[in-house]
C-alpha atoms as a PDB file:
ATOM      1  CA  MET A   1      91.948  89.709 110.238  1.00  0.00           C
ATOM      2  CA  SER A   2      89.090  87.881 111.923  1.00  0.00           C
ATOM      3  CA  GLN A   3      85.706  88.431 110.316  1.00  0.00           C
ATOM      4  CA  PRO A   4      82.250  87.478 111.577  1.00  0.00           C
ATOM      5  CA  ALA A   5      81.025  84.160 110.200  1.00  0.00           C
ATOM      6  CA  GLU A   6      78.187  85.667 108.169  1.00  0.00           C
ATOM      7  CA  MET A   7      78.947  88.649 105.946  1.00  0.00           C
ATOM      8  CA  SER A   8      76.715  89.782 103.133  1.00  0.00           C
ATOM      9  CA  LYS A   9      77.920  90.689  99.681  1.00  0.00           C
ATOM     10  CA  LYS A  10      77.331  94.344 100.545  1.00  0.00           C
ATOM     11  CA  ASP A  11      79.612  94.020 103.597  1.00  0.00           C
ATOM     12  CA  TYR A  12      82.401  92.562 101.451  1.00  0.00           C
ATOM     13  CA  GLU A  13      81.998  95.321  98.869  1.00  0.00           C
ATOM     14  CA  LYS A  14      82.093  97.918 101.647  1.00  0.00           C
ATOM     15  CA  GLN A  15      85.305  96.383 102.985  1.00  0.00           C
ATOM     16  CA  VAL A  16      86.935  96.434  99.529  1.00  0.00           C
ATOM     17  CA  LYS A  17      85.878 100.056  99.045  1.00  0.00           C
ATOM     18  CA  HIS A  18      87.271 101.001 102.463  1.00  0.00           C
ATOM     19  CA  HIS A  19      90.697  99.501 101.733  1.00  0.00           C
ATOM     20  CA  LYS A  20      90.718 101.110  98.281  1.00  0.00           C
ATOM     21  CA  HIS A  21      90.011 104.499  99.867  1.00  0.00           C
ATOM     22  CA  LEU A  22      92.802 104.041 102.421  1.00  0.00           C
ATOM     23  CA  GLU A  23      95.189 103.034  99.643  1.00  0.00           C
ATOM     24  CA  HIS A  24      94.410 106.245  97.760  1.00  0.00           C
ATOM     25  CA  VAL A  25      94.882 108.339 100.909  1.00  0.00           C
ATOM     26  CA  ALA A  26      98.274 106.722 101.480  1.00  0.00           C
ATOM     27  CA  LYS A  27      99.330 107.423  97.887  1.00  0.00           C
ATOM     28  CA  VAL A  28      98.330 111.085  98.192  1.00  0.00           C
ATOM     29  CA  SER A  29     100.208 111.435 101.479  1.00  0.00           C
ATOM     30  CA  THR A  30     103.276 109.900  99.836  1.00  0.00           C
ATOM     31  CA  VAL A  31     103.190 112.510  97.099  1.00  0.00           C
ATOM     32  CA  ALA A  32     102.714 115.293  99.644  1.00  0.00           C
ATOM     33  CA  ALA A  33     105.661 114.086 101.741  1.00  0.00           C
ATOM     34  CA  VAL A  34     107.911 113.923  98.679  1.00  0.00           C
ATOM     35  CA  VAL A  35     106.899 117.471  97.716  1.00  0.00           C
ATOM     36  CA  VAL A  36     107.736 118.709 101.224  1.00  0.00           C
ATOM     37  CA  ALA A  37     111.098 116.911 101.143  1.00  0.00           C
ATOM     38  CA  ARG A  38     112.004 118.459  97.791  1.00  0.00           C
ATOM     39  CA  HIS A  39     110.911 121.888  98.998  1.00  0.00           C
ATOM     40  CA  GLU A  40     113.054 121.628 102.130  1.00  0.00           C
ATOM     41  CA  LYS A  41     116.030 120.448 100.075  1.00  0.00           C
ATOM     42  CA  HIS A  42     115.626 123.471  97.810  1.00  0.00           C
ATOM     43  CA  LYS A  43     115.379 125.815 100.811  1.00  0.00           C
ATOM     44  CA  ALA A  44     118.517 124.345 102.362  1.00  0.00           C
ATOM     45  CA  LYS A  45     120.544 124.869  99.191  1.00  0.00           C
ATOM     46  CA  ARG A  46     119.223 128.059  97.646  1.00  0.00           C
ATOM     47  CA  VAL A  47     116.858 130.116  99.751  1.00  0.00           C
ATOM     48  CA  ASP A  48     118.082 129.857 103.330  1.00  0.00           C
ATOM     49  CA  PRO A  49     121.659 128.537 103.547  1.00  0.00           C
ATOM     50  CA  GLU A  50     122.099 129.907 107.106  1.00  0.00           C
ATOM     51  CA  ASP A  51     119.490 127.487 108.425  1.00  0.00           C
ATOM     52  CA  ALA A  52     120.548 124.634 106.151  1.00  0.00           C
ATOM     53  CA  LYS A  53     120.818 122.167 109.023  1.00  0.00           C
ATOM     54  CA  LYS A  54     117.222 122.822 110.102  1.00  0.00           C
ATOM     55  CA  HIS A  55     115.961 122.349 106.549  1.00  0.00           C
ATOM     56  CA  LYS A  56     118.023 119.171 106.143  1.00  0.00           C
ATOM     57  CA  ILE A  57     116.379 117.715 109.268  1.00  0.00           C
ATOM     58  CA  LYS A  58     112.921 118.618 107.963  1.00  0.00           C
ATOM     59  CA  GLU A  59     113.826 117.030 104.627  1.00  0.00           C
ATOM     60  CA  ASP A  60     114.891 113.796 106.336  1.00  0.00           C
ATOM     61  CA  ILE A  61     111.665 113.699 108.354  1.00  0.00           C
ATOM     62  CA  ALA A  62     109.610 114.193 105.183  1.00  0.00           C
ATOM     63  CA  LYS A  63     111.536 111.375 103.491  1.00  0.00           C
ATOM     64  CA  ALA A  64     110.775 109.056 106.411  1.00  0.00           C
ATOM     65  CA  VAL A  65     107.084 109.962 106.238  1.00  0.00           C
ATOM     66  CA  ALA A  66     107.090 109.240 102.496  1.00  0.00           C
ATOM     67  CA  VAL A  67     108.616 105.796 103.044  1.00  0.00           C
ATOM     68  CA  GLY A  68     106.095 105.047 105.780  1.00  0.00           C
ATOM     69  CA  SER A  69     103.128 106.060 103.667  1.00  0.00           C
ATOM     70  CA  VAL A  70     104.377 103.883 100.803  1.00  0.00           C
ATOM     71  CA  GLY A  71     104.333 100.996 103.266  1.00  0.00           C
ATOM     72  CA  VAL A  72     100.771 101.826 104.271  1.00  0.00           C
ATOM     73  CA  ALA A  73      99.697 102.002 100.612  1.00  0.00           C
ATOM     74  CA  PHE A  74     101.324  98.627  99.944  1.00  0.00           C
ATOM     75  CA  HIS A  75      99.599  97.113 102.989  1.00  0.00           C
ATOM     76  CA  GLU A  76      96.183  98.480 102.015  1.00  0.00           C
ATOM     77  CA  ARG A  77      96.630  97.219  98.459  1.00  0.00           C
ATOM     78  CA  HIS A  78      97.065  93.686  99.788  1.00  0.00           C
ATOM     79  CA  GLU A  79      94.182  94.061 102.241  1.00  0.00           C
ATOM     80  CA  LYS A  80      91.956  95.139  99.359  1.00  0.00           C
ATOM     81  CA  LYS A  81      93.011  92.143  97.280  1.00  0.00           C
ATOM     82  CA  ASP A  82      92.407  89.782 100.215  1.00  0.00           C
ATOM     83  CA  ALA A  83      88.951  91.238 100.837  1.00  0.00           C
ATOM     84  CA  LYS A  84      88.118  90.834  97.155  1.00  0.00           C
ATOM     85  CA  LYS A  85      89.258  87.193  97.192  1.00  0.00           C
ATOM     86  CA  GLU A  86      87.198  86.512 100.319  1.00  0.00           C
ATOM     87  CA  GLU A  87      84.142  88.018  98.640  1.00  0.00           C
ATOM     88  CA  GLU A  88      84.593  85.961  95.486  1.00  0.00           C
ATOM     89  CA  SER A  89      85.161  82.717  97.366  1.00  0.00           C
ATOM     90  CA  ALA A  90      82.172  83.344  99.668  1.00  0.00           C
ATOM     91  CA  PHE A  91      79.788  83.987  96.782  1.00  0.00           C
ATOM     92  CA  GLY A  92      80.708  81.288  94.319  1.00  0.00           C
ATOM     93  CA  LYS A  93      83.498  82.547  92.079  1.00  0.00           C
ATOM     94  CA  LYS A  94      86.310  80.016  92.111  1.00  0.00           C
ATOM     95  CA  HIS A  95      89.973  80.885  91.843  1.00  0.00           C
ATOM     96  CA  HIS A  96      92.475  79.064  89.712  1.00  0.00           C
ATOM     97  CA  PRO A  97      95.323  77.859  91.963  1.00  0.00           C
ATOM     98  CA  PHE A  98      97.962  79.622  89.846  1.00  0.00           C
ATOM     99  CA  SER A  99      96.193  82.980  89.531  1.00  0.00           C
ATOM    100  CA  LYS A 100      96.982  85.955  91.709  1.00  0.00           C
END
């Protein structure tokens, strides 16, 4: 991610906050997708066995969305950590070479 040469401390904090917000959105969407998948699985088995194939397809789609949003949450977590490290290195806090 290429950044402009001069960023203020406020810009770094804004970037960290942005990635943190996106991480939370991804986590919420993961939970929502899992709930939809479980609901469709229940409908396929108990409520609407005639349309079980349709509900199974919807369940599989919801599972794929859940896996994708976990990936987004993981990505944003690392972006947030990278932005935080950039901020600390730009404004004087030194990192130990063995710390995460």
